[in-house]
N, C-alpha and C. Protein backbone atom coordinates (compact mmCIF):
# COMPACT_ATOMS: atom_id res chain seq x y z
N MET A 1 116.70 50.91 211.15
CA MET A 1 115.62 51.11 210.20
C MET A 1 115.97 50.35 208.91
N GLN A 2 115.03 49.61 208.39
CA GLN A 2 115.23 48.89 207.14
C GLN A 2 114.49 49.61 206.03
N GLY A 3 115.19 49.88 204.94
CA GLY A 3 114.57 50.53 203.81
C GLY A 3 113.69 49.58 203.02
N ARG A 4 113.09 50.12 202.01
CA ARG A 4 112.22 49.35 201.14
C ARG A 4 113.03 48.63 200.06
N TYR A 5 112.50 47.50 199.65
CA TYR A 5 113.06 46.80 198.51
C TYR A 5 112.44 47.37 197.24
N TYR A 6 113.09 47.09 196.13
CA TYR A 6 112.67 47.61 194.82
C TYR A 6 111.17 47.45 194.59
N GLU A 7 110.66 46.25 194.80
CA GLU A 7 109.25 45.99 194.48
C GLU A 7 108.27 46.60 195.47
N GLU A 8 108.77 47.23 196.51
CA GLU A 8 107.91 47.91 197.47
C GLU A 8 107.68 49.38 197.11
N PHE A 9 108.29 49.83 196.03
CA PHE A 9 108.07 51.18 195.52
C PHE A 9 107.04 51.13 194.39
N SER A 10 106.39 52.26 194.14
CA SER A 10 105.42 52.37 193.05
C SER A 10 105.67 53.66 192.28
N PRO A 11 105.59 53.61 190.95
CA PRO A 11 105.74 54.85 190.17
C PRO A 11 104.75 55.91 190.65
N GLY A 12 105.24 57.14 190.79
CA GLY A 12 104.42 58.25 191.23
C GLY A 12 104.39 58.45 192.74
N GLU A 13 104.83 57.46 193.49
CA GLU A 13 104.85 57.56 194.95
C GLU A 13 105.77 58.72 195.36
N GLU A 14 105.32 59.51 196.34
CA GLU A 14 106.04 60.72 196.74
C GLU A 14 106.45 60.65 198.20
N PHE A 15 107.61 61.25 198.48
CA PHE A 15 108.16 61.28 199.84
C PHE A 15 108.63 62.70 200.13
N THR A 16 108.30 63.22 201.30
CA THR A 16 108.71 64.56 201.70
C THR A 16 109.64 64.46 202.89
N THR A 17 110.78 65.12 202.80
CA THR A 17 111.77 65.10 203.87
C THR A 17 111.38 66.08 204.97
N ARG A 18 112.11 66.02 206.07
CA ARG A 18 112.00 67.06 207.09
C ARG A 18 112.63 68.33 206.52
N ALA A 19 112.48 69.43 207.19
CA ALA A 19 113.07 70.69 206.76
C ALA A 19 114.33 70.98 207.57
N ARG A 20 115.18 71.82 206.99
CA ARG A 20 116.44 72.18 207.65
C ARG A 20 116.79 73.61 207.26
N THR A 21 117.20 74.42 208.24
CA THR A 21 117.60 75.80 207.98
C THR A 21 119.08 75.84 207.63
N VAL A 22 119.41 76.55 206.55
CA VAL A 22 120.79 76.70 206.10
C VAL A 22 121.40 77.88 206.84
N THR A 23 122.53 77.64 207.49
CA THR A 23 123.16 78.66 208.34
C THR A 23 124.46 79.17 207.74
N GLU A 24 124.93 80.27 208.29
CA GLU A 24 126.24 80.80 207.90
C GLU A 24 127.32 79.76 208.20
N ALA A 25 127.19 79.05 209.31
CA ALA A 25 128.17 78.02 209.66
C ALA A 25 128.22 76.91 208.60
N ASP A 26 127.06 76.56 208.03
CA ASP A 26 127.04 75.56 206.96
C ASP A 26 127.88 76.03 205.77
N ILE A 27 127.71 77.28 205.41
CA ILE A 27 128.42 77.83 204.24
C ILE A 27 129.92 77.89 204.51
N VAL A 28 130.30 78.35 205.70
CA VAL A 28 131.72 78.42 206.07
C VAL A 28 132.33 77.02 206.08
N ALA A 29 131.63 76.06 206.68
CA ALA A 29 132.15 74.69 206.73
C ALA A 29 132.28 74.09 205.33
N PHE A 30 131.29 74.35 204.48
CA PHE A 30 131.34 73.80 203.12
C PHE A 30 132.48 74.44 202.32
N ALA A 31 132.69 75.73 202.50
CA ALA A 31 133.81 76.41 201.82
C ALA A 31 135.12 75.76 202.23
N GLY A 32 135.28 75.51 203.53
CA GLY A 32 136.51 74.87 204.01
C GLY A 32 136.67 73.46 203.51
N LEU A 33 135.60 72.71 203.51
CA LEU A 33 135.65 71.32 203.05
C LEU A 33 135.93 71.23 201.55
N SER A 34 135.26 72.06 200.77
CA SER A 34 135.37 71.98 199.31
C SER A 34 136.53 72.80 198.75
N GLY A 35 136.96 73.79 199.51
CA GLY A 35 137.99 74.70 198.99
C GLY A 35 137.41 75.79 198.10
N ASP A 36 136.08 75.89 198.04
CA ASP A 36 135.41 76.89 197.21
C ASP A 36 135.13 78.12 198.05
N TYR A 37 136.05 79.09 197.94
CA TYR A 37 135.92 80.34 198.69
C TYR A 37 135.44 81.49 197.80
N ASN A 38 134.64 81.20 196.81
CA ASN A 38 134.10 82.22 195.93
C ASN A 38 133.48 83.32 196.80
N PRO A 39 133.79 84.58 196.52
CA PRO A 39 133.28 85.66 197.37
C PRO A 39 131.76 85.76 197.38
N LEU A 40 131.10 85.19 196.41
CA LEU A 40 129.63 85.16 196.42
C LEU A 40 129.11 84.44 197.66
N HIS A 41 129.93 83.51 198.18
CA HIS A 41 129.54 82.73 199.35
C HIS A 41 130.20 83.22 200.64
N THR A 42 131.36 83.90 200.50
CA THR A 42 132.17 84.17 201.68
C THR A 42 132.42 85.65 201.99
N ASP A 43 132.04 86.54 201.10
CA ASP A 43 132.36 87.97 201.28
C ASP A 43 131.07 88.79 201.18
N GLN A 44 130.58 89.24 202.32
CA GLN A 44 129.31 89.96 202.36
C GLN A 44 129.35 91.24 201.53
N GLU A 45 130.44 91.99 201.58
CA GLU A 45 130.52 93.25 200.82
C GLU A 45 130.50 92.98 199.32
N PHE A 46 131.20 91.96 198.87
CA PHE A 46 131.15 91.58 197.46
C PHE A 46 129.73 91.14 197.09
N ALA A 47 129.16 90.24 197.89
CA ALA A 47 127.85 89.66 197.58
C ALA A 47 126.74 90.71 197.58
N ARG A 48 126.88 91.73 198.40
CA ARG A 48 125.87 92.80 198.48
C ARG A 48 125.71 93.50 197.12
N LYS A 49 126.77 93.52 196.31
CA LYS A 49 126.75 94.19 195.01
C LYS A 49 126.29 93.27 193.88
N THR A 50 125.95 92.04 194.20
CA THR A 50 125.48 91.10 193.18
C THR A 50 123.96 91.18 193.07
N PRO A 51 123.38 90.55 192.06
CA PRO A 51 121.91 90.55 191.96
C PRO A 51 121.21 89.91 193.16
N PHE A 52 121.94 89.09 193.94
CA PHE A 52 121.33 88.44 195.10
C PHE A 52 121.30 89.36 196.32
N GLY A 53 122.20 90.34 196.38
CA GLY A 53 122.23 91.30 197.46
C GLY A 53 122.79 90.79 198.77
N ALA A 54 123.18 89.54 198.81
CA ALA A 54 123.71 88.94 200.03
C ALA A 54 124.44 87.66 199.65
N ARG A 55 125.18 87.13 200.62
CA ARG A 55 125.84 85.85 200.38
C ARG A 55 124.79 84.77 200.17
N ILE A 56 125.12 83.81 199.33
CA ILE A 56 124.23 82.68 199.09
C ILE A 56 125.00 81.38 199.34
N ALA A 57 124.24 80.33 199.58
CA ALA A 57 124.85 79.02 199.77
C ALA A 57 125.41 78.51 198.44
N HIS A 58 126.47 77.74 198.52
CA HIS A 58 127.00 77.06 197.34
C HIS A 58 125.89 76.17 196.78
N GLY A 59 125.77 76.12 195.47
CA GLY A 59 124.77 75.23 194.88
C GLY A 59 124.98 73.79 195.30
N LEU A 60 126.26 73.38 195.35
CA LEU A 60 126.54 72.00 195.74
C LEU A 60 126.28 71.74 197.22
N LEU A 61 126.28 72.79 198.02
CA LEU A 61 125.88 72.64 199.42
C LEU A 61 124.39 72.29 199.48
N GLY A 62 123.60 72.99 198.70
CA GLY A 62 122.17 72.68 198.65
C GLY A 62 121.93 71.24 198.20
N LEU A 63 122.65 70.81 197.18
CA LEU A 63 122.54 69.43 196.70
C LEU A 63 122.95 68.45 197.79
N SER A 64 124.02 68.77 198.51
CA SER A 64 124.49 67.88 199.59
C SER A 64 123.48 67.81 200.73
N ILE A 65 122.90 68.96 201.09
CA ILE A 65 121.89 68.95 202.15
C ILE A 65 120.69 68.12 201.71
N GLN A 66 120.28 68.27 200.45
CA GLN A 66 119.18 67.46 199.93
C GLN A 66 119.49 65.99 200.05
N SER A 67 120.73 65.61 199.76
CA SER A 67 121.12 64.21 199.86
C SER A 67 120.94 63.69 201.29
N GLY A 68 121.38 64.48 202.25
CA GLY A 68 121.24 64.08 203.64
C GLY A 68 119.78 64.03 204.09
N LEU A 69 118.99 65.02 203.66
CA LEU A 69 117.57 65.01 204.02
C LEU A 69 116.88 63.79 203.42
N SER A 70 117.22 63.46 202.17
CA SER A 70 116.61 62.29 201.53
C SER A 70 117.03 61.00 202.23
N GLN A 71 118.29 60.93 202.62
CA GLN A 71 118.76 59.75 203.34
C GLN A 71 118.01 59.60 204.65
N GLY A 72 117.68 60.71 205.27
CA GLY A 72 116.94 60.69 206.52
C GLY A 72 115.55 60.09 206.42
N LEU A 73 115.02 60.00 205.22
CA LEU A 73 113.72 59.35 205.04
C LEU A 73 113.79 57.87 205.41
N GLY A 74 114.96 57.26 205.21
CA GLY A 74 115.14 55.84 205.52
C GLY A 74 114.58 54.88 204.49
N ILE A 75 114.03 55.39 203.40
CA ILE A 75 113.35 54.51 202.45
C ILE A 75 114.29 53.59 201.67
N THR A 76 115.58 53.94 201.61
CA THR A 76 116.53 53.06 200.93
C THR A 76 117.67 52.62 201.86
N GLU A 77 117.44 52.77 203.16
CA GLU A 77 118.44 52.39 204.16
C GLU A 77 118.68 50.89 204.11
N GLY A 78 119.90 50.51 203.77
CA GLY A 78 120.26 49.10 203.73
C GLY A 78 119.85 48.37 202.46
N THR A 79 119.10 49.05 201.59
CA THR A 79 118.69 48.40 200.33
C THR A 79 119.33 49.04 199.10
N THR A 80 120.04 50.14 199.29
CA THR A 80 120.75 50.76 198.17
C THR A 80 121.99 49.94 197.85
N ILE A 81 122.13 49.58 196.59
CA ILE A 81 123.35 48.93 196.12
C ILE A 81 124.32 49.98 195.59
N ALA A 82 123.79 50.93 194.82
CA ALA A 82 124.66 51.96 194.24
C ALA A 82 123.86 53.20 193.87
N PHE A 83 124.51 54.33 193.99
CA PHE A 83 124.00 55.60 193.46
C PHE A 83 124.60 55.70 192.07
N LEU A 84 123.77 55.72 191.03
CA LEU A 84 124.27 55.62 189.66
C LEU A 84 124.47 56.95 188.95
N GLY A 85 123.80 58.00 189.41
CA GLY A 85 124.00 59.28 188.75
C GLY A 85 122.86 60.23 189.02
N LEU A 86 123.03 61.46 188.50
CA LEU A 86 121.99 62.46 188.68
C LEU A 86 122.06 63.49 187.58
N THR A 87 120.95 64.16 187.37
CA THR A 87 120.88 65.37 186.57
C THR A 87 120.35 66.42 187.53
N TRP A 88 120.86 67.64 187.45
CA TRP A 88 120.50 68.62 188.47
C TRP A 88 120.47 70.02 187.90
N SER A 89 119.54 70.83 188.36
CA SER A 89 119.44 72.24 187.97
C SER A 89 119.33 73.10 189.22
N PHE A 90 119.98 74.24 189.16
CA PHE A 90 119.95 75.22 190.24
C PHE A 90 119.03 76.34 189.78
N LYS A 91 117.86 76.47 190.40
CA LYS A 91 116.79 77.36 189.93
C LYS A 91 116.79 78.72 190.60
N ALA A 92 117.16 78.77 191.86
CA ALA A 92 117.13 80.02 192.62
C ALA A 92 118.14 79.90 193.75
N PRO A 93 118.59 81.03 194.29
CA PRO A 93 119.58 80.95 195.36
C PRO A 93 118.99 80.42 196.66
N ILE A 94 119.85 79.81 197.44
CA ILE A 94 119.52 79.45 198.82
C ILE A 94 120.26 80.46 199.69
N LEU A 95 119.51 81.25 200.45
CA LEU A 95 120.08 82.29 201.28
C LEU A 95 120.33 81.79 202.69
N ILE A 96 121.24 82.45 203.38
CA ILE A 96 121.45 82.16 204.80
C ILE A 96 120.11 82.40 205.50
N GLY A 97 119.67 81.42 206.26
CA GLY A 97 118.40 81.52 206.96
C GLY A 97 117.24 80.85 206.24
N ASP A 98 117.43 80.47 204.99
CA ASP A 98 116.36 79.73 204.29
C ASP A 98 116.20 78.35 204.91
N THR A 99 114.97 77.91 204.99
CA THR A 99 114.66 76.56 205.48
C THR A 99 114.21 75.75 204.27
N ILE A 100 114.95 74.68 203.99
CA ILE A 100 114.67 73.89 202.79
C ILE A 100 114.23 72.47 203.15
N HIS A 101 113.49 71.89 202.26
CA HIS A 101 113.14 70.48 202.35
C HIS A 101 113.07 69.95 200.92
N ALA A 102 112.98 68.63 200.80
CA ALA A 102 112.93 68.02 199.47
C ALA A 102 111.68 67.15 199.34
N VAL A 103 111.18 67.12 198.13
CA VAL A 103 110.09 66.21 197.76
C VAL A 103 110.64 65.35 196.64
N GLN A 104 110.61 64.04 196.85
CA GLN A 104 111.09 63.15 195.80
C GLN A 104 110.00 62.16 195.46
N ALA A 105 109.93 61.82 194.18
CA ALA A 105 108.91 60.91 193.69
C ALA A 105 109.55 59.84 192.83
N VAL A 106 108.96 58.67 192.86
CA VAL A 106 109.42 57.58 191.99
C VAL A 106 108.99 57.93 190.57
N GLN A 107 109.96 58.26 189.74
CA GLN A 107 109.70 58.68 188.37
C GLN A 107 109.67 57.50 187.42
N GLU A 108 110.58 56.56 187.64
CA GLU A 108 110.71 55.43 186.72
C GLU A 108 111.30 54.24 187.47
N MET A 109 110.84 53.06 187.09
CA MET A 109 111.40 51.82 187.65
C MET A 109 111.70 50.90 186.48
N ARG A 110 112.87 50.25 186.55
CA ARG A 110 113.19 49.30 185.48
C ARG A 110 114.01 48.14 186.02
N ASP A 111 113.77 47.01 185.40
CA ASP A 111 114.48 45.79 185.78
C ASP A 111 115.92 45.84 185.26
N THR A 112 116.74 45.00 185.84
CA THR A 112 118.12 44.84 185.37
C THR A 112 118.28 43.38 184.93
N LYS A 113 119.42 43.07 184.40
CA LYS A 113 119.71 41.69 183.99
C LYS A 113 119.87 40.77 185.19
N LYS A 114 120.18 41.35 186.32
CA LYS A 114 120.38 40.55 187.54
C LYS A 114 119.08 40.55 188.35
N PRO A 115 118.63 39.37 188.79
CA PRO A 115 117.33 39.28 189.45
C PRO A 115 117.29 39.83 190.88
N ASP A 116 118.44 40.19 191.44
CA ASP A 116 118.45 40.66 192.83
C ASP A 116 118.38 42.17 192.97
N ARG A 117 118.15 42.89 191.85
CA ARG A 117 118.18 44.35 191.90
C ARG A 117 117.33 44.98 190.81
N GLY A 118 117.01 46.24 191.02
CA GLY A 118 116.30 47.03 190.03
C GLY A 118 116.80 48.46 190.07
N ILE A 119 116.42 49.24 189.08
CA ILE A 119 116.84 50.64 188.98
C ILE A 119 115.61 51.52 189.23
N ILE A 120 115.79 52.51 190.09
CA ILE A 120 114.73 53.49 190.34
C ILE A 120 115.29 54.88 190.06
N VAL A 121 114.54 55.66 189.27
CA VAL A 121 114.86 57.06 189.04
C VAL A 121 113.87 57.87 189.87
N PHE A 122 114.41 58.67 190.78
CA PHE A 122 113.60 59.56 191.61
C PHE A 122 113.70 60.98 191.06
N SER A 123 112.56 61.64 190.87
CA SER A 123 112.58 63.07 190.59
C SER A 123 112.62 63.78 191.95
N VAL A 124 113.35 64.88 192.01
CA VAL A 124 113.54 65.57 193.28
C VAL A 124 113.37 67.07 193.09
N GLN A 125 112.66 67.68 194.01
CA GLN A 125 112.59 69.14 194.07
C GLN A 125 113.01 69.56 195.47
N VAL A 126 113.85 70.60 195.53
CA VAL A 126 114.23 71.22 196.79
C VAL A 126 113.48 72.54 196.87
N LEU A 127 112.73 72.72 197.94
CA LEU A 127 111.90 73.92 198.10
C LEU A 127 112.32 74.69 199.34
N ASN A 128 112.19 76.02 199.25
CA ASN A 128 112.47 76.85 200.43
C ASN A 128 111.18 77.05 201.24
N GLN A 129 111.28 77.85 202.28
CA GLN A 129 110.15 78.07 203.18
C GLN A 129 108.99 78.77 202.50
N LYS A 130 109.21 79.39 201.36
CA LYS A 130 108.14 80.06 200.62
C LYS A 130 107.48 79.12 199.61
N GLY A 131 107.97 77.88 199.54
CA GLY A 131 107.43 76.93 198.57
C GLY A 131 108.05 77.07 197.18
N GLU A 132 109.10 77.89 197.07
CA GLU A 132 109.77 78.09 195.78
C GLU A 132 110.76 76.96 195.53
N VAL A 133 110.77 76.46 194.30
CA VAL A 133 111.74 75.42 193.93
C VAL A 133 113.08 76.11 193.72
N VAL A 134 114.08 75.72 194.52
CA VAL A 134 115.41 76.32 194.41
C VAL A 134 116.37 75.40 193.66
N GLN A 135 116.11 74.10 193.69
CA GLN A 135 116.90 73.12 192.94
C GLN A 135 115.98 71.98 192.56
N GLU A 136 116.32 71.31 191.46
CA GLU A 136 115.54 70.14 191.08
C GLU A 136 116.34 69.27 190.14
N GLY A 137 115.93 68.03 190.06
CA GLY A 137 116.60 67.11 189.17
C GLY A 137 116.09 65.70 189.37
N SER A 138 116.94 64.76 188.98
CA SER A 138 116.60 63.35 189.18
C SER A 138 117.85 62.61 189.59
N LYS A 139 117.64 61.55 190.36
CA LYS A 139 118.75 60.72 190.78
C LYS A 139 118.39 59.27 190.50
N THR A 140 119.38 58.53 190.05
CA THR A 140 119.18 57.14 189.65
C THR A 140 119.90 56.24 190.65
N MET A 141 119.15 55.27 191.16
CA MET A 141 119.70 54.39 192.20
C MET A 141 119.42 52.93 191.87
N MET A 142 120.37 52.09 192.23
CA MET A 142 120.19 50.65 192.12
C MET A 142 119.77 50.15 193.50
N ILE A 143 118.62 49.47 193.54
CA ILE A 143 118.01 49.06 194.81
C ILE A 143 117.84 47.54 194.82
N ARG A 144 118.10 46.95 195.97
CA ARG A 144 117.93 45.49 196.13
C ARG A 144 116.47 45.09 195.99
N ARG A 145 116.27 43.91 195.42
CA ARG A 145 114.96 43.27 195.45
C ARG A 145 114.88 42.43 196.72
N LYS A 146 113.68 42.01 197.07
CA LYS A 146 113.52 41.12 198.21
C LYS A 146 114.28 39.82 197.92
N PRO A 147 114.94 39.29 198.93
CA PRO A 147 115.65 38.03 198.74
C PRO A 147 114.69 36.91 198.33
N MET A 148 115.15 36.02 197.51
CA MET A 148 114.33 34.87 197.09
C MET A 148 113.82 34.15 198.32
N GLY A 149 112.57 33.73 198.26
CA GLY A 149 111.98 33.02 199.38
C GLY A 149 111.32 33.94 200.39
N SER A 150 111.51 35.27 200.25
CA SER A 150 110.84 36.22 201.16
C SER A 150 109.38 36.33 200.77
N ALA A 151 108.55 36.66 201.71
CA ALA A 151 107.14 36.85 201.44
C ALA A 151 106.94 37.92 200.37
N GLY A 152 106.06 37.67 199.45
CA GLY A 152 105.75 38.65 198.41
C GLY A 152 106.67 38.56 197.22
N ARG A 153 107.62 37.67 197.24
CA ARG A 153 108.57 37.55 196.12
C ARG A 153 108.40 36.17 195.51
N SER A 154 108.22 36.08 194.23
CA SER A 154 108.07 34.76 193.60
C SER A 154 109.33 34.34 192.90
């Protein structure tokens, strides 16, 4: 799959990922990978006494799943030069069994000093099966322009 070049995006354009259910296995694997064994994520008896009433997914697990879901769109496959940064907010918990998806939109596009690339800022919302925003933010990416001599490029 070939992703889009910079000039093939338009401000305001929106993309919706597939959905994915967050499982207990995801949380256990992420705890092992990250070393974050906070009892809010790993201890049901502890978590039951919190305002959430149950174990919740690590916030960074939700962000990581969003990254994979967004990559699955294929829109920047092979055209990403660099991931430049992000701003992110955690709005609500992701519970075991929640099914999440992401909606990302082209928020801003800007040229760079180099003619072979541009910068795109995508706004992103992660929503659960109830349509509630559980995480949101923006990510900034450097994307290739069409090679000189390609159709549509002057």
